[in-house]
Amino acid sequence: MSDVWCVRAEFGFPHIALVNGRPLVDLLVEHWGDIPPEFRERLGLKPGLVRS
């Protein structure tokens, strides 16, 4: 069992699901203003429009 699973299985830790792809992008867009500037800089992302 991985270390992450062992920590997740301990009493008192909330369930955290993995998020990737479009749901991750949606979360970042929705909460971009809430993310501390230092972390936004580390992500190396900038808000913008993408042609689909």
PDB file of N, CA and C in Angstrom:
ATOM      1  N   MET A   1       0.851  -1.172   0.000  1.00  0.00           N
ATOM      2  CA  MET A   1       0.000   0.000   0.000  1.00  0.00           C
ATOM      3  C   MET A   1       0.901   1.239   0.000  1.00  0.00           C
ATOM      4  N   SER A   2       0.568   2.229  -0.820  1.00  0.00           N
ATOM      5  CA  SER A   2       1.412   3.417  -0.895  1.00  0.00           C
ATOM      6  C   SER A   2       1.272   4.267   0.362  1.00  0.00           C
ATOM      7  N   ASP A   3       2.277   5.113   0.603  1.00  0.00           N
ATOM      8  CA  ASP A   3       2.260   5.994   1.768  1.00  0.00           C
ATOM      9  C   ASP A   3       1.061   6.929   1.738  1.00  0.00           C
ATOM     10  N   VAL A   4       0.696   7.400   0.549  1.00  0.00           N
ATOM     11  CA  VAL A   4      -0.456   8.303   0.426  1.00  0.00           C
ATOM     12  C   VAL A   4      -1.706   7.596   0.897  1.00  0.00           C
ATOM     13  N   TRP A   5      -1.902   6.364   0.477  1.00  0.00           N
ATOM     14  CA  TRP A   5      -3.096   5.635   0.880  1.00  0.00           C
ATOM     15  C   TRP A   5      -3.109   5.417   2.389  1.00  0.00           C
ATOM     16  N   CYS A   6      -1.950   5.138   2.982  1.00  0.00           N
ATOM     17  CA  CYS A   6      -1.885   4.926   4.431  1.00  0.00           C
ATOM     18  C   CYS A   6      -2.317   6.177   5.186  1.00  0.00           C
ATOM     19  N   VAL A   7      -1.871   7.342   4.745  1.00  0.00           N
ATOM     20  CA  VAL A   7      -2.267   8.590   5.394  1.00  0.00           C
ATOM     21  C   VAL A   7      -3.745   8.811   5.187  1.00  0.00           C
ATOM     22  N   ARG A   8      -4.238   8.584   3.981  1.00  0.00           N
ATOM     23  CA  ARG A   8      -5.656   8.791   3.662  1.00  0.00           C
ATOM     24  C   ARG A   8      -6.535   7.895   4.532  1.00  0.00           C
ATOM     25  N   ALA A   9      -6.051   6.706   4.840  1.00  0.00           N
ATOM     26  CA  ALA A   9      -6.855   5.740   5.585  1.00  0.00           C
ATOM     27  C   ALA A   9      -6.884   6.029   7.086  1.00  0.00           C
ATOM     28  N   GLU A  10      -6.012   6.916   7.571  1.00  0.00           N
ATOM     29  CA  GLU A  10      -5.990   7.224   8.990  1.00  0.00           C
ATOM     30  C   GLU A  10      -7.251   7.973   9.410  1.00  0.00           C
ATOM     31  N   PHE A  11      -7.677   7.741  10.622  1.00  0.00           N
ATOM     32  CA  PHE A  11      -8.866   8.382  11.157  1.00  0.00           C
ATOM     33  C   PHE A  11      -8.684   9.901  11.187  1.00  0.00           C
ATOM     34  N   GLY A  12      -9.721  10.626  10.802  1.00  0.00           N
ATOM     35  CA  GLY A  12      -9.701  12.078  10.880  1.00  0.00           C
ATOM     36  C   GLY A  12      -9.262  12.783   9.614  1.00  0.00           C
ATOM     37  N   PHE A  13      -8.789  12.047   8.614  1.00  0.00           N
ATOM     38  CA  PHE A  13      -8.407  12.667   7.354  1.00  0.00           C
ATOM     39  C   PHE A  13      -9.580  12.605   6.390  1.00  0.00           C
ATOM     40  N   PRO A  14      -9.946  13.742   5.795  1.00  0.00           N
ATOM     41  CA  PRO A  14     -11.046  13.723   4.827  1.00  0.00           C
ATOM     42  C   PRO A  14     -10.616  13.022   3.539  1.00  0.00           C
ATOM     43  N   HIS A  15     -11.588  12.505   2.808  1.00  0.00           N
ATOM     44  CA  HIS A  15     -11.311  11.876   1.518  1.00  0.00           C
ATOM     45  C   HIS A  15     -10.932  12.956   0.514  1.00  0.00           C
ATOM     46  N   ILE A  16      -9.840  12.768  -0.180  1.00  0.00           N
ATOM     47  CA  ILE A  16      -9.411  13.703  -1.220  1.00  0.00           C
ATOM     48  C   ILE A  16      -9.289  12.905  -2.507  1.00  0.00           C
ATOM     49  N   ALA A  17     -10.117  13.239  -3.475  1.00  0.00           N
ATOM     50  CA  ALA A  17     -10.077  12.550  -4.760  1.00  0.00           C
ATOM     51  C   ALA A  17      -9.075  13.255  -5.673  1.00  0.00           C
ATOM     52  N   LEU A  18      -8.504  12.516  -6.584  1.00  0.00           N
ATOM     53  CA  LEU A  18      -7.620  13.112  -7.568  1.00  0.00           C
ATOM     54  C   LEU A  18      -8.458  13.847  -8.604  1.00  0.00           C
ATOM     55  N   VAL A  19      -7.971  14.991  -9.026  1.00  0.00           N
ATOM     56  CA  VAL A  19      -8.661  15.788 -10.029  1.00  0.00           C
ATOM     57  C   VAL A  19      -7.673  16.065 -11.144  1.00  0.00           C
ATOM     58  N   ASN A  20      -8.086  15.841 -12.368  1.00  0.00           N
ATOM     59  CA  ASN A  20      -7.219  16.153 -13.494  1.00  0.00           C
ATOM     60  C   ASN A  20      -8.065  16.549 -14.702  1.00  0.00           C
ATOM     61  N   GLY A  21      -7.425  16.948 -15.754  1.00  0.00           N
ATOM     62  CA  GLY A  21      -8.117  17.289 -16.978  1.00  0.00           C
ATOM     63  C   GLY A  21      -9.030  18.489 -16.832  1.00  0.00           C
ATOM     64  N   ARG A  22     -10.165  18.411 -17.493  1.00  0.00           N
ATOM     65  CA  ARG A  22     -11.107  19.530 -17.531  1.00  0.00           C
ATOM     66  C   ARG A  22     -11.592  19.948 -16.136  1.00  0.00           C
ATOM     67  N   PRO A  23     -11.897  19.004 -15.208  1.00  0.00           N
ATOM     68  CA  PRO A  23     -12.312  19.429 -13.863  1.00  0.00           C
ATOM     69  C   PRO A  23     -11.240  20.261 -13.150  1.00  0.00           C
ATOM     70  N   LEU A  24      -9.962  19.945 -13.367  1.00  0.00           N
ATOM     71  CA  LEU A  24      -8.891  20.722 -12.760  1.00  0.00           C
ATOM     72  C   LEU A  24      -8.863  22.133 -13.334  1.00  0.00           C
ATOM     73  N   VAL A  25      -9.010  22.248 -14.635  1.00  0.00           N
ATOM     74  CA  VAL A  25      -9.039  23.563 -15.274  1.00  0.00           C
ATOM     75  C   VAL A  25     -10.212  24.374 -14.744  1.00  0.00           C
ATOM     76  N   ASP A  26     -11.377  23.761 -14.631  1.00  0.00           N
ATOM     77  CA  ASP A  26     -12.559  24.461 -14.116  1.00  0.00           C
ATOM     78  C   ASP A  26     -12.329  24.966 -12.690  1.00  0.00           C
ATOM     79  N   LEU A  27     -11.700  24.151 -11.848  1.00  0.00           N
ATOM     80  CA  LEU A  27     -11.404  24.567 -10.468  1.00  0.00           C
ATOM     81  C   LEU A  27     -10.421  25.727 -10.433  1.00  0.00           C
ATOM     82  N   LEU A  28      -9.385  25.658 -11.256  1.00  0.00           N
ATOM     83  CA  LEU A  28      -8.403  26.734 -11.300  1.00  0.00           C
ATOM     84  C   LEU A  28      -9.035  28.041 -11.753  1.00  0.00           C
ATOM     85  N   VAL A  29      -9.868  27.970 -12.787  1.00  0.00           N
ATOM     86  CA  VAL A  29     -10.527  29.181 -13.293  1.00  0.00           C
ATOM     87  C   VAL A  29     -11.451  29.770 -12.230  1.00  0.00           C
ATOM     88  N   GLU A  30     -12.229  28.925 -11.591  1.00  0.00           N
ATOM     89  CA  GLU A  30     -13.202  29.386 -10.595  1.00  0.00           C
ATOM     90  C   GLU A  30     -12.522  30.016  -9.378  1.00  0.00           C
ATOM     91  N   HIS A  31     -11.371  29.492  -8.982  1.00  0.00           N
ATOM     92  CA  HIS A  31     -10.726  29.938  -7.741  1.00  0.00           C
ATOM     93  C   HIS A  31      -9.405  30.674  -7.975  1.00  0.00           C
ATOM     94  N   TRP A  32      -9.142  31.109  -9.197  1.00  0.00           N
ATOM     95  CA  TRP A  32      -7.865  31.731  -9.528  1.00  0.00           C
ATOM     96  C   TRP A  32      -7.541  32.894  -8.593  1.00  0.00           C
ATOM     97  N   GLY A  33      -8.519  33.732  -8.300  1.00  0.00           N
ATOM     98  CA  GLY A  33      -8.301  34.881  -7.434  1.00  0.00           C
ATOM     99  C   GLY A  33      -8.021  34.515  -5.992  1.00  0.00           C
ATOM    100  N   ASP A  34      -8.387  33.300  -5.595  1.00  0.00           N
ATOM    101  CA  ASP A  34      -8.168  32.835  -4.217  1.00  0.00           C
ATOM    102  C   ASP A  34      -6.782  32.216  -4.023  1.00  0.00           C
ATOM    103  N   ILE A  35      -6.113  31.893  -5.120  1.00  0.00           N
ATOM    104  CA  ILE A  35      -4.800  31.246  -5.038  1.00  0.00           C
ATOM    105  C   ILE A  35      -3.754  32.323  -4.730  1.00  0.00           C
ATOM    106  N   PRO A  36      -2.929  32.115  -3.716  1.00  0.00           N
ATOM    107  CA  PRO A  36      -1.901  33.109  -3.383  1.00  0.00           C
ATOM    108  C   PRO A  36      -0.997  33.388  -4.591  1.00  0.00           C
ATOM    109  N   PRO A  37      -0.617  34.664  -4.798  1.00  0.00           N
ATOM    110  CA  PRO A  37       0.206  35.032  -5.956  1.00  0.00           C
ATOM    111  C   PRO A  37       1.490  34.206  -6.081  1.00  0.00           C
ATOM    112  N   GLU A  38       2.129  33.878  -4.954  1.00  0.00           N
ATOM    113  CA  GLU A  38       3.369  33.090  -5.020  1.00  0.00           C
ATOM    114  C   GLU A  38       3.118  31.726  -5.649  1.00  0.00           C
ATOM    115  N   PHE A  39       1.974  31.121  -5.289  1.00  0.00           N
ATOM    116  CA  PHE A  39       1.666  29.801  -5.834  1.00  0.00           C
ATOM    117  C   PHE A  39       1.253  29.904  -7.299  1.00  0.00           C
ATOM    118  N   ARG A  40       0.505  30.962  -7.650  1.00  0.00           N
ATOM    119  CA  ARG A  40       0.131  31.166  -9.056  1.00  0.00           C
ATOM    120  C   ARG A  40       1.388  31.290  -9.901  1.00  0.00           C
ATOM    121  N   GLU A  41       2.387  32.001  -9.387  1.00  0.00           N
ATOM    122  CA  GLU A  41       3.639  32.163 -10.119  1.00  0.00           C
ATOM    123  C   GLU A  41       4.349  30.824 -10.285  1.00  0.00           C
ATOM    124  N   ARG A  42       4.342  30.011  -9.235  1.00  0.00           N
ATOM    125  CA  ARG A  42       4.984  28.686  -9.307  1.00  0.00           C
ATOM    126  C   ARG A  42       4.291  27.779 -10.306  1.00  0.00           C
ATOM    127  N   LEU A  43       2.962  27.941 -10.461  1.00  0.00           N
ATOM    128  CA  LEU A  43       2.231  27.131 -11.433  1.00  0.00           C
ATOM    129  C   LEU A  43       2.645  27.469 -12.858  1.00  0.00           C
ATOM    130  N   GLY A  44       3.035  28.720 -13.060  1.00  0.00           N
ATOM    131  CA  GLY A  44       3.469  29.135 -14.404  1.00  0.00           C
ATOM    132  C   GLY A  44       2.303  29.261 -15.366  1.00  0.00           C
ATOM    133  N   LEU A  45       1.105  29.491 -14.843  1.00  0.00           N
ATOM    134  CA  LEU A  45      -0.077  29.624 -15.689  1.00  0.00           C
ATOM    135  C   LEU A  45      -0.570  31.057 -15.676  1.00  0.00           C
ATOM    136  N   LYS A  46      -1.253  31.446 -16.756  1.00  0.00           N
ATOM    137  CA  LYS A  46      -1.869  32.759 -16.833  1.00  0.00           C
ATOM    138  C   LYS A  46      -3.272  32.582 -17.401  1.00  0.00           C
ATOM    139  N   PRO A  47      -4.227  33.353 -16.874  1.00  0.00           N
ATOM    140  CA  PRO A  47      -5.577  33.253 -17.429  1.00  0.00           C
ATOM    141  C   PRO A  47      -5.594  33.777 -18.868  1.00  0.00           C
ATOM    142  N   GLY A  48      -6.421  33.183 -19.688  1.00  0.00           N
ATOM    143  CA  GLY A  48      -6.538  33.609 -21.070  1.00  0.00           C
ATOM    144  C   GLY A  48      -7.643  32.872 -21.784  1.00  0.00           C
ATOM    145  N   LEU A  49      -7.876  33.255 -22.986  1.00  0.00           N
ATOM    146  CA  LEU A  49      -8.900  32.610 -23.803  1.00  0.00           C
ATOM    147  C   LEU A  49      -8.252  31.576 -24.709  1.00  0.00           C
ATOM    148  N   VAL A  50      -8.914  30.469 -24.885  1.00  0.00           N
ATOM    149  CA  VAL A  50      -8.406  29.401 -25.746  1.00  0.00           C
ATOM    150  C   VAL A  50      -9.469  29.082 -26.776  1.00  0.00           C
ATOM    151  N   ARG A  51      -9.067  29.090 -27.997  1.00  0.00           N
ATOM    152  CA  ARG A  51      -9.993  28.759 -29.089  1.00  0.00           C
ATOM    153  C   ARG A  51     -10.226  27.245 -29.081  1.00  0.00           C
ATOM    154  N   SER A  52     -11.515  26.854 -29.096  1.00  0.00           N
ATOM    155  CA  SER A  52     -11.792  25.413 -29.099  1.00  0.00           C
ATOM    156  C   SER A  52     -12.432  24.966 -30.390  1.00  0.00           C
TER     157      SER A  52
END
